[in-house]
Protein backbone atom coordinates (compact mmCIF):
# COMPACT_ATOMS: atom_id res chain seq x y z
CA MET A 1 95.58 68.85 109.42
CA LYS A 2 99.03 70.37 109.12
CA ASN A 3 97.82 72.95 106.54
CA LYS A 4 94.92 73.84 108.78
CA LEU A 5 97.21 74.46 111.75
CA ILE A 6 99.49 76.61 109.60
CA LYS A 7 96.52 78.63 108.39
CA ILE A 8 95.21 79.17 111.94
CA GLY A 9 98.68 80.11 113.14
CA ALA A 10 99.11 82.64 110.33
CA MET A 11 95.72 84.19 111.07
CA VAL A 12 96.54 84.49 114.80
CA ALA A 13 99.94 86.02 113.99
CA SER A 14 98.32 88.49 111.60
CA ALA A 15 95.78 89.50 114.24
CA VAL A 16 98.51 90.04 116.83
CA ILE A 17 100.60 92.14 114.46
CA MET A 18 97.64 94.30 113.48
CA ALA A 19 96.59 94.76 117.10
CA THR A 20 100.07 95.83 118.19
CA SER A 21 100.99 97.88 115.11
CA ILE A 22 97.77 99.86 114.64
CA PRO A 23 96.02 100.41 117.96
CA THR A 24 93.52 102.95 116.62
CA VAL A 25 91.78 100.44 114.35
CA ALA A 26 88.25 99.41 115.28
CA THR A 27 85.93 96.94 113.61
CA ALA A 28 82.68 98.37 112.30
CA ALA A 29 79.80 97.70 114.64
CA GLU A 30 77.06 97.79 112.05
CA SER A 31 76.80 96.01 108.74
CA ASN A 32 73.73 95.23 106.73
CA TYR A 33 74.33 92.81 103.90
CA SER A 34 77.71 93.73 102.44
CA TYR A 35 80.72 91.46 102.51
CA ILE A 36 84.03 90.68 100.82
CA TYR A 37 86.50 87.79 100.61
CA ASP A 38 89.74 87.89 102.59
CA TYR A 39 93.16 86.51 101.66
CA TRP A 40 92.09 83.02 102.67
CA GLY A 41 88.90 83.08 100.62
CA ASP A 42 86.66 83.35 103.69
CA VAL A 43 83.62 85.61 103.74
CA GLN A 44 84.45 88.80 105.65
CA GLU A 45 81.67 91.14 106.73
CA MET A 46 82.19 94.80 105.95
CA PRO A 47 80.30 98.07 106.43
CA ASP A 48 77.82 98.74 103.67
CA ALA A 49 79.36 100.56 100.75
CA TYR A 50 75.90 101.54 99.48
CA ASN A 51 72.53 102.32 101.01
CA VAL A 52 69.14 102.07 99.35
CA CYS A 53 68.05 105.64 98.72
CA ARG A 54 64.65 104.68 97.31
CA VAL A 55 62.83 102.04 95.28
CA PHE A 56 60.63 103.31 92.46
CA THR A 57 57.75 101.17 91.22
CA SER A 58 55.38 101.98 88.36
CA ILE A 59 53.00 103.54 90.88
CA ASP A 60 55.76 105.65 92.42
CA LEU A 61 56.62 106.90 88.94
CA GLY A 62 52.97 107.73 88.25
CA LEU A 63 52.66 105.46 85.20
CA ASP A 64 49.10 104.70 84.07
CA LYS A 65 50.28 101.58 82.25
CA LEU A 66 52.48 99.57 84.61
CA LEU A 67 55.95 98.53 83.53
CA LYS A 68 56.03 95.06 81.98
CA ASN A 69 59.23 93.03 81.78
CA PRO A 70 61.59 96.04 81.40
CA SER A 71 64.98 94.78 80.24
CA GLY A 72 67.18 97.72 79.26
CA MET A 73 68.24 100.99 80.85
CA TYR A 74 70.56 103.87 80.03
CA VAL A 75 71.63 106.96 82.01
CA HIS A 76 72.57 110.19 80.26
CA ASP A 77 73.30 113.17 82.52
CA ASN A 78 70.32 113.22 84.92
CA MET A 79 68.00 111.37 82.51
CA ILE A 80 67.10 107.68 82.79
CA TYR A 81 65.87 105.84 79.69
CA ILE A 82 64.04 102.55 80.31
CA CYS A 83 63.13 99.95 77.70
CA ASP A 84 59.67 98.84 78.77
CA THR A 85 59.97 95.67 76.68
CA GLY A 86 56.62 94.09 77.48
CA ASN A 87 54.72 97.28 76.61
CA ASP A 88 56.75 98.03 73.43
CA ARG A 89 57.69 101.51 74.57
CA ILE A 90 60.44 103.73 75.96
CA VAL A 91 59.98 105.41 79.35
CA ILE A 92 62.05 108.53 79.93
CA CYS A 93 62.60 109.70 83.51
CA GLU A 94 64.46 112.59 85.11
CA ARG A 95 66.18 112.61 88.45
CA THR A 96 64.97 115.89 89.85
CA ASP A 97 66.44 115.54 93.33
CA ALA A 98 68.74 113.30 95.32
CA ASP A 99 65.88 110.92 96.09
CA SER A 100 63.31 111.85 93.45
CA ILE A 101 62.78 110.43 89.95
CA GLU A 102 59.91 111.58 87.75
CA VAL A 103 58.62 110.39 84.38
CA VAL A 104 59.13 112.97 81.65
CA LYS A 105 57.35 111.09 78.88
CA THR A 106 56.66 107.68 77.38
CA VAL A 107 57.26 106.97 73.70
CA GLU A 108 55.43 104.26 71.77
CA ARG A 109 55.87 105.54 68.21
CA ILE A 110 58.63 107.19 66.22
CA LYS A 111 58.17 110.07 63.82
CA GLY A 112 59.35 110.57 60.26
CA ASP A 113 59.53 108.63 57.04
CA VAL A 114 59.71 105.00 58.13
CA ASP A 115 57.40 102.05 57.43
CA THR A 116 57.28 100.60 60.95
CA LYS A 117 56.68 103.39 63.42
CA THR A 118 56.09 101.26 66.52
CA PHE A 119 58.54 99.33 68.68
CA SER A 120 58.46 95.59 69.13
CA GLY A 121 60.12 94.37 72.31
CA PRO A 122 62.89 97.01 72.63
CA THR A 123 65.67 95.59 74.77
CA ASP A 124 68.32 98.31 75.03
CA ILE A 125 68.92 101.99 74.45
CA ALA A 126 71.84 104.43 74.23
CA VAL A 127 72.15 108.20 73.83
CA SER A 128 75.00 110.02 72.08
CA ASP A 129 76.61 113.29 73.14
CA ASP A 130 74.68 114.99 70.32
CA GLY A 131 71.39 113.78 71.79
CA ASN A 132 70.65 111.13 69.19
CA ILE A 133 68.99 108.01 70.55
CA PHE A 134 69.80 104.44 69.52
CA ILE A 135 67.32 101.64 70.28
CA ALA A 136 67.72 97.88 69.95
CA ASP A 137 64.28 97.17 68.48
CA LYS A 138 64.62 93.42 68.80
CA GLY A 139 61.19 92.34 67.59
CA ASN A 140 61.53 94.44 64.44
CA ALA A 141 65.04 93.10 63.70
CA ARG A 142 66.68 96.52 63.64
CA ILE A 143 68.65 99.08 65.57
CA LEU A 144 66.99 102.46 65.30
CA LYS A 145 68.66 105.85 65.31
CA VAL A 146 66.33 108.74 66.10
CA ASP A 147 66.82 112.32 67.22
CA SER A 148 65.94 113.68 70.67
CA ASP A 149 62.35 114.12 69.51
CA PHE A 150 62.24 110.47 68.33
CA LYS A 151 62.22 111.43 64.68
CA TYR A 152 63.62 108.68 62.45
CA ILE A 153 67.18 109.13 61.11
CA LEU A 154 68.30 105.67 59.98
CA GLU A 155 68.42 102.04 61.03
CA PHE A 156 71.03 99.30 61.28
CA GLY A 157 70.00 95.89 59.96
CA LYS A 158 71.31 92.35 59.81
CA PRO A 159 75.09 92.15 59.32
CA ASP A 160 76.06 91.56 55.72
CA ASP A 161 78.51 88.71 56.26
CA THR A 162 78.83 85.31 54.60
CA ALA A 163 79.54 83.70 57.99
CA ILE A 164 75.95 84.39 59.06
CA SER A 165 73.24 82.07 57.81
CA ALA A 166 70.74 83.61 55.41
CA ASP A 167 67.96 82.07 57.50
CA LEU A 168 69.09 83.75 60.71
CA VAL A 169 66.67 86.33 62.05
CA PHE A 170 68.51 89.40 63.28
CA GLN A 171 67.74 89.99 66.97
CA PRO A 172 69.80 92.87 68.38
CA ASN A 173 69.82 92.56 72.14
CA LYS A 174 72.31 95.01 73.68
CA ILE A 175 74.07 98.03 72.19
CA VAL A 176 76.65 100.72 72.97
CA ILE A 177 77.83 103.67 70.90
CA ASP A 178 81.13 105.54 70.83
CA THR A 179 81.76 109.27 70.44
CA ALA A 180 81.65 108.97 66.64
CA GLU A 181 78.23 107.23 66.90
CA ARG A 182 79.60 103.89 65.78
CA VAL A 183 77.39 101.11 67.09
CA TYR A 184 78.52 97.89 68.80
CA CYS A 185 75.80 95.30 69.17
CA ILE A 186 75.22 91.96 70.87
CA ALA A 187 72.79 89.95 68.76
CA ASN A 188 71.15 86.68 69.67
CA ASN A 189 72.59 83.57 67.99
CA ILE A 190 75.62 85.45 66.66
CA ASN A 191 78.69 84.20 68.55
CA ARG A 192 81.45 85.81 66.50
CA GLY A 193 81.72 88.74 68.87
CA LEU A 194 80.19 92.21 68.74
CA CYS A 195 78.59 93.42 65.52
CA LYS A 196 80.20 96.74 64.64
CA TYR A 197 78.49 99.37 62.48
CA GLU A 198 79.85 102.65 61.19
CA ALA A 199 77.92 105.86 61.83
CA ASP A 200 76.32 105.69 58.38
CA GLY A 201 74.84 102.24 59.11
CA THR A 202 77.46 100.18 57.25
CA PHE A 203 78.38 96.89 58.89
CA SER A 204 82.16 96.80 59.33
CA GLY A 205 82.84 93.44 60.97
CA PHE A 206 82.97 91.61 64.28
CA VAL A 207 84.95 92.61 67.34
CA GLY A 208 86.20 90.65 70.35
CA ALA A 209 85.01 87.08 69.96
CA THR A 210 85.32 85.10 73.19
CA LYS A 211 87.78 82.27 73.67
CA VAL A 212 86.64 78.85 72.50
CA THR A 213 86.38 76.36 75.35
CA TYR A 214 86.06 72.61 75.01
CA ASP A 215 86.26 69.38 76.91
CA PHE A 216 89.36 67.32 76.06
CA GLN A 217 87.44 64.06 76.32
CA GLN A 218 84.87 65.30 73.82
CA TYR A 219 87.72 66.45 71.58
CA LEU A 220 89.15 62.91 71.47
CA ILE A 221 85.72 61.42 70.80
CA LYS A 222 85.19 63.80 67.88
CA LYS A 223 88.52 62.80 66.38
CA PHE A 224 87.23 59.26 65.90
CA ALA A 225 83.48 59.84 65.49
CA SER A 226 81.57 59.21 62.28
CA GLN A 227 79.90 61.99 60.29
CA GLU A 228 76.49 61.00 61.69
CA GLN A 229 77.81 61.17 65.25
CA LEU A 230 79.51 64.50 64.61
CA ALA A 231 76.27 65.97 63.33
CA GLN A 232 74.61 65.19 66.67
CA MET A 233 77.42 66.63 68.80
CA GLU A 234 77.76 70.18 70.02
CA SER A 235 80.38 72.22 68.18
CA PHE A 236 83.20 74.08 69.93
CA VAL A 237 82.19 77.68 69.28
CA PRO A 238 82.76 81.01 71.03
CA THR A 239 80.15 81.93 73.62
CA GLU A 240 77.85 84.91 73.25
CA TYR A 241 78.11 88.00 75.39
CA ASP A 242 75.25 88.81 77.72
CA ASN A 243 75.73 92.56 78.05
CA ILE A 244 78.06 95.41 77.18
CA TYR A 245 79.20 98.82 78.45
CA MET A 246 81.53 101.48 77.06
CA ASP A 247 83.51 103.54 79.57
CA LYS A 248 84.55 107.19 79.28
CA GLU A 249 87.81 106.26 77.52
CA GLY A 250 86.11 104.16 74.85
CA PHE A 251 86.99 100.73 76.22
CA ILE A 252 84.24 98.14 76.01
CA TYR A 253 83.39 96.00 79.02
CA THR A 254 81.48 92.81 78.31
CA VAL A 255 79.96 90.18 80.57
CA THR A 256 78.80 86.67 79.81
CA ASP A 257 76.85 84.17 81.87
CA ALA A 258 77.76 81.18 79.69
CA GLY A 259 80.84 80.00 81.61
CA THR A 260 80.55 76.80 83.63
CA GLU A 261 81.91 76.50 87.15
CA GLU A 262 84.85 74.43 85.91
CA ASP A 263 85.69 76.85 83.06
CA LEU A 264 85.57 79.88 85.34
CA LYS A 265 87.77 78.33 88.03
CA SER A 266 90.30 77.03 85.50
CA GLY A 267 90.48 80.33 83.62
CA ASP A 268 89.18 78.83 80.35
CA ALA A 269 86.26 81.27 80.45
CA ASP A 270 86.12 84.94 81.49
CA ALA A 271 82.98 86.35 83.06
CA VAL A 272 84.21 89.92 82.40
CA ARG A 273 86.35 91.26 79.59
CA LYS A 274 87.68 94.71 78.68
CA LEU A 275 88.14 95.18 74.94
CA ASN A 276 90.35 97.73 73.22
CA LEU A 277 89.88 98.98 69.66
CA LEU A 278 91.44 95.80 68.28
CA GLY A 279 89.04 93.62 70.24
CA SER A 280 91.77 92.30 72.56
CA ASP A 281 91.00 91.67 76.21
CA ILE A 282 93.10 94.05 78.35
CA LEU A 283 91.32 93.64 81.69
CA VAL A 284 93.84 93.71 84.56
CA ARG A 285 93.48 90.70 86.86
CA ASN A 286 95.95 91.41 89.67
CA GLY A 287 93.49 90.78 92.47
CA GLU A 288 93.75 87.94 94.94
CA TRP A 289 90.70 86.24 93.44
CA PRO A 290 89.39 85.69 89.89
CA ILE A 291 86.75 88.08 88.59
CA TYR A 292 83.66 85.92 88.43
CA GLY A 293 81.62 86.95 91.46
CA ASP A 294 81.06 84.63 94.38
CA LEU A 295 83.88 82.21 95.09
CA TYR A 296 81.52 79.61 96.52
CA MET A 297 79.05 78.25 94.00
CA GLY A 298 77.14 75.70 96.05
CA GLY A 299 73.40 75.63 96.55
CA GLY A 300 71.58 77.75 99.08
CA GLY A 301 68.13 79.29 99.10
CA GLY A 302 67.35 77.59 95.81
CA PHE A 303 70.24 79.25 93.97
CA ALA A 304 73.21 77.17 92.88
CA GLY A 305 76.12 77.47 90.48
CA PRO A 306 78.35 80.42 89.63
CA SER A 307 77.39 84.07 89.58
CA LEU A 308 75.74 84.93 86.27
CA PHE A 309 76.71 88.46 85.30
CA THR A 310 73.92 90.08 83.33
CA ASP A 311 75.21 93.67 83.21
CA VAL A 312 78.21 95.85 84.03
CA THR A 313 78.79 99.56 84.53
CA VAL A 314 82.00 101.54 85.01
CA LEU A 315 82.25 104.56 87.29
CA ASP A 316 84.41 107.55 86.44
CA ASN A 317 86.98 106.38 89.02
CA ASP A 318 87.41 103.10 87.05
CA ILE A 319 85.52 101.02 89.59
CA TYR A 320 83.40 98.58 87.61
CA VAL A 321 80.34 96.93 89.08
CA CYS A 322 78.87 93.66 87.80
CA LEU A 323 75.25 92.60 88.34
CA ASP A 324 74.62 88.95 89.21
CA LYS A 325 71.20 87.75 88.11
CA ASN A 326 71.61 84.40 89.85
CA ARG A 327 71.84 85.66 93.45
CA GLY A 328 70.88 89.29 92.87
CA ARG A 329 74.19 90.81 93.95
CA CYS A 330 76.45 93.65 92.86
CA PHE A 331 80.19 93.00 92.73
CA GLY A 332 82.55 95.99 92.66
CA TYR A 333 86.16 95.72 91.42
CA ASP A 334 88.91 98.31 91.06
CA ASP A 335 91.06 98.81 87.97
CA GLN A 336 93.56 96.22 89.24
CA GLY A 337 90.93 93.52 89.68
CA ASN A 338 90.73 93.78 93.47
CA MET A 339 87.33 93.14 94.99
CA VAL A 340 86.00 96.35 96.54
CA PHE A 341 82.53 95.34 97.77
CA ILE A 342 79.68 92.87 97.40
CA PHE A 343 76.09 93.62 98.33
CA GLY A 344 72.56 92.61 97.47
CA GLY A 345 70.63 89.37 97.30
CA ASN A 346 67.41 87.73 96.21
CA GLY A 347 64.22 88.80 97.93
CA ASN A 348 61.40 91.32 98.20
CA MET A 349 63.01 93.75 100.66
CA ASP A 350 64.55 97.05 99.66
CA GLY A 351 68.04 96.45 98.32
CA TYR A 352 67.21 92.93 97.18
CA PHE A 353 66.00 91.80 93.78
CA ARG A 354 63.74 89.23 92.19
CA GLN A 355 65.16 89.34 88.66
CA PRO A 356 67.79 92.05 88.17
CA ALA A 357 68.15 92.92 84.49
CA ALA A 358 70.14 96.14 84.09
CA LEU A 359 72.65 98.24 86.00
CA GLU A 360 73.66 101.87 85.46
CA HIS A 361 75.39 104.61 87.43
CA MET A 362 74.76 108.31 87.88
CA GLY A 363 77.91 109.78 89.35
CA ASN A 364 78.81 107.29 92.06
CA ASP A 365 75.18 106.33 92.61
CA LEU A 366 74.00 102.98 91.27
CA ILE A 367 70.64 102.21 89.66
CA VAL A 368 69.34 98.65 89.27
CA LEU A 369 66.40 97.69 87.08
CA ASP A 370 64.37 94.65 88.19
CA SER A 371 62.43 93.11 85.30
CA LEU A 372 60.23 90.88 87.46
CA ASP A 373 59.51 93.38 90.20
CA CYS A 374 59.19 96.10 87.51
CA SER A 375 61.06 98.62 89.62
CA ILE A 376 64.27 100.60 89.75
CA THR A 377 66.36 100.83 92.92
CA LEU A 378 68.55 103.86 93.55
CA PHE A 379 71.65 103.22 95.68
CA THR A 380 73.84 105.98 97.11
CA PRO A 381 77.31 105.52 98.67
CA THR A 382 77.53 105.37 102.45
CA GLU A 383 80.19 107.23 104.42
CA PHE A 384 82.34 104.14 104.17
CA GLY A 385 81.84 103.79 100.41
CA SER A 386 82.51 107.49 99.82
CA LEU A 387 85.75 107.30 101.82
CA VAL A 388 86.92 104.33 99.76
CA TYR A 389 86.21 106.21 96.54
CA THR A 390 87.91 109.35 97.87
CA ALA A 391 91.03 107.39 98.80
CA MET A 392 91.21 105.84 95.33
CA GLU A 393 90.54 109.10 93.51
CA LYS A 394 93.14 111.03 95.55
CA PHE A 395 95.73 108.39 94.70
CA ASP A 396 94.92 108.62 90.98
CA GLU A 397 95.25 112.42 91.20
CA GLY A 398 98.71 112.09 92.72
CA GLU A 399 97.66 113.30 96.18
CA TYR A 400 99.27 110.36 97.97
CA GLU A 401 99.30 111.83 101.46
CA ALA A 402 95.57 112.68 101.25
CA SER A 403 94.88 109.21 99.89
CA GLY A 404 96.71 107.62 102.81
CA GLU A 405 94.74 109.73 105.29
CA ALA A 406 91.45 108.66 103.68
CA TRP A 407 92.50 105.01 103.85
CA GLU A 408 93.36 105.43 107.53
CA THR A 409 89.84 106.68 108.16
CA VAL A 410 88.48 103.68 106.23
CA MET A 411 90.56 101.41 108.45
CA LYS A 412 89.06 102.97 111.57
CA LEU A 413 85.61 102.02 110.27
CA ASP A 414 86.69 98.51 109.30
CA GLY A 415 89.95 97.20 110.70
CA ASN A 416 89.77 94.09 108.50
CA TYR A 417 89.35 95.83 105.14
CA THR A 418 92.21 94.57 102.98
CA LEU A 419 92.25 97.42 100.47
CA ALA A 420 92.79 99.95 103.26
CA TYR A 421 96.10 98.34 104.25
CA ILE A 422 97.18 97.99 100.63
CA GLY A 423 96.05 101.56 99.91
CA ILE A 424 98.08 102.99 102.78
CA GLY A 425 101.06 100.91 101.68
CA ARG A 426 100.81 102.20 98.12
CA SER A 427 100.54 105.78 99.37
CA LEU A 428 103.62 105.34 101.54
CA LEU A 429 105.43 103.71 98.62
CA ARG A 430 104.79 106.75 96.45
CA GLN A 431 105.99 108.99 99.29
CA LYS A 432 109.24 106.97 99.38
CA GLN A 433 108.56 105.63 102.86
CA TYR A 434 109.49 102.15 101.78
CA GLU A 435 110.07 100.46 105.12
CA GLU A 436 106.69 101.61 106.47
CA ALA A 437 104.99 100.54 103.21
CA MET A 438 106.50 97.07 103.56
CA ASP A 439 104.87 96.69 106.99
CA TYR A 440 101.39 97.34 105.59
CA PHE A 441 101.86 95.05 102.58
CA ASP A 442 103.15 92.33 104.89
CA LEU A 443 100.03 92.53 107.06
CA LYS A 444 97.80 91.62 104.10
CA TYR A 445 100.19 89.24 102.33
CA ASP A 446 100.55 91.51 99.28
CA ALA A 447 103.70 89.89 97.91
CA ASP A 448 103.85 91.92 94.66
CA ASN A 449 103.71 95.34 96.29
CA TYR A 450 105.96 94.16 99.13
CA SER A 451 108.58 93.19 96.55
CA LYS A 452 108.34 96.62 94.93
CA ALA A 453 108.74 98.36 98.28
CA PHE A 454 111.61 96.10 99.31
CA GLN A 455 113.41 96.71 96.03
CA GLN A 456 113.23 100.47 96.58
CA TYR A 457 114.13 100.13 100.26
CA ARG A 458 117.19 98.06 99.38
CA LYS A 459 118.25 100.59 96.74
CA LYS A 460 117.81 103.48 99.19
CA TRP A 461 119.77 101.65 101.90
CA VAL A 462 122.63 100.92 99.50
CA GLU A 463 122.80 104.58 98.40
CA LYS A 464 122.81 105.74 102.03
CA ASN A 465 125.51 103.33 103.13
CA ILE A 466 127.64 103.20 99.96
CA ALA A 467 130.73 104.62 101.72
CA ILE A 468 130.59 102.00 104.46
CA ILE A 469 129.96 99.28 101.88
CA VAL A 470 133.02 100.36 99.85
CA ILE A 471 135.19 100.49 102.98
CA VAL A 472 134.03 97.03 104.05
CA ILE A 473 134.62 95.59 100.56
CA LEU A 474 138.09 97.13 100.41
CA ALA A 475 138.82 95.89 103.88
CA VAL A 476 137.71 92.38 102.99
CA PHE A 477 140.15 92.32 100.08
CA LEU A 478 143.02 94.52 101.35
CA ILE A 479 143.37 93.27 104.93
CA PRO A 480 144.06 89.65 103.88
CA LEU A 481 146.51 90.93 101.27
CA GLY A 482 148.22 93.11 103.84
CA ILE A 483 148.38 90.27 106.35
CA GLY A 484 149.77 87.98 103.68
CA LYS A 485 152.36 90.58 102.70
CA ILE A 486 153.41 91.10 106.32
CA ARG A 487 153.73 87.37 106.83
CA SER A 488 155.79 87.08 103.64
CA ILE A 489 158.16 89.84 104.80
CA LYS A 490 158.39 88.25 108.22
CA ARG A 491 159.33 84.90 106.65
CA GLU A 492 162.00 86.60 104.56
CA ILE A 493 163.45 88.28 107.65
CA ASP A 494 163.39 85.04 109.61
CA LYS A 495 165.05 83.25 106.68
CA GLU A 496 167.76 85.91 106.42
CA GLU A 497 168.47 85.75 110.13
CA PHE A 498 168.69 81.95 109.97
CA PHE A 499 171.39 81.97 107.26
CA ASN A 500 173.35 84.74 108.97
CA ARG A 501 173.87 82.73 112.15
């Protein structure tokens, strides 16, 4: 009860401070289905960061053979490549206008000197800067490399590694390529990390295996179990990744849906990771909340448990967006791990999904592929979303005053948006307005940035008042000495006068 009263009191105090300090702020009147979590972990409505521009079905795209269980998608310039898994083909589309996507061609066979010319359940695709196309041809146990005309170049097969069973069937599921056309692959039933191939097709090892998680009780049981019992128990092994994305700087983002609610909350499992060249996770997690989607994992509408991230994409401004296949939502985070927006849901309406399978971006626009609805949904930023991106981009470009002005406009649209307060504070901090920055950080309980601003404010105050400080320090030491000296002289005089009587 006491904690509850403290929490209510703090919220009331915060509201009073914001009302008196920033009178121009107004709460957005309209909001569709977007929300975010506040400092207390409560759901906070927010203006939509994205609007549905248009939903494209097979009929809208003019396909004679309807899409069937599409599971992979890749965007290159204004082209959209779709793995039509159920129809064993690749569908290539072009975005010809802001709200128009047209099919350029469909490909069911590859050209050139290769034994198997057809696809079998392709699940992912990637395109290099040179125009070469890489396809995870899962049913044929290979990763294909073809040119822009789908002429065969080479293929990547099962990793040549003693750690992999000879009986294992190679099933490449998701792929990315770097600028040198090295291939990184997620393969089913291989939990040692990403399979890495050189440009010439040579397998060069595994990268970025996930942390091993285990239950301590099971660990103790295994210590004393017999060989027969051990054979029936589940081994403690790294989990497999679910999807993968490489950003413009060559860092690899991975997502996994294998973490349990307990593992995610305790930090034993990571739903999102950012891998460097050494395979180490360097994702920044400075946000108020862990990066695993919805904070509340209870049941509702038939969907229970944690968010299950099935794909991730990274915008050029370092905002990364994760796609939740459990509740059909998109979660946006900035490069510090702060939650930027949440939108979406399960359903048949525009902007909702039945079985989201893939997520890509084209500029700041988002494209979601639904494998059950067999459609792609094009999202474009709203005024609010564009302002948030502008504020972040201006800050990264060193235009701190412009960034602060953009954040102020964001705050006028949503007076409760946490990142606006923090953004203004950071802009003021960079402009050396430390005391004002502290006020904004204090309003949203940003202790880390408040400490940085206070440290600089204290340093500036000391430099400004150094003369007074020195005088006071000298006075503190010299005045008592002087008084003591005067008293000593006075005692000597009094003593001399006493003996001279």
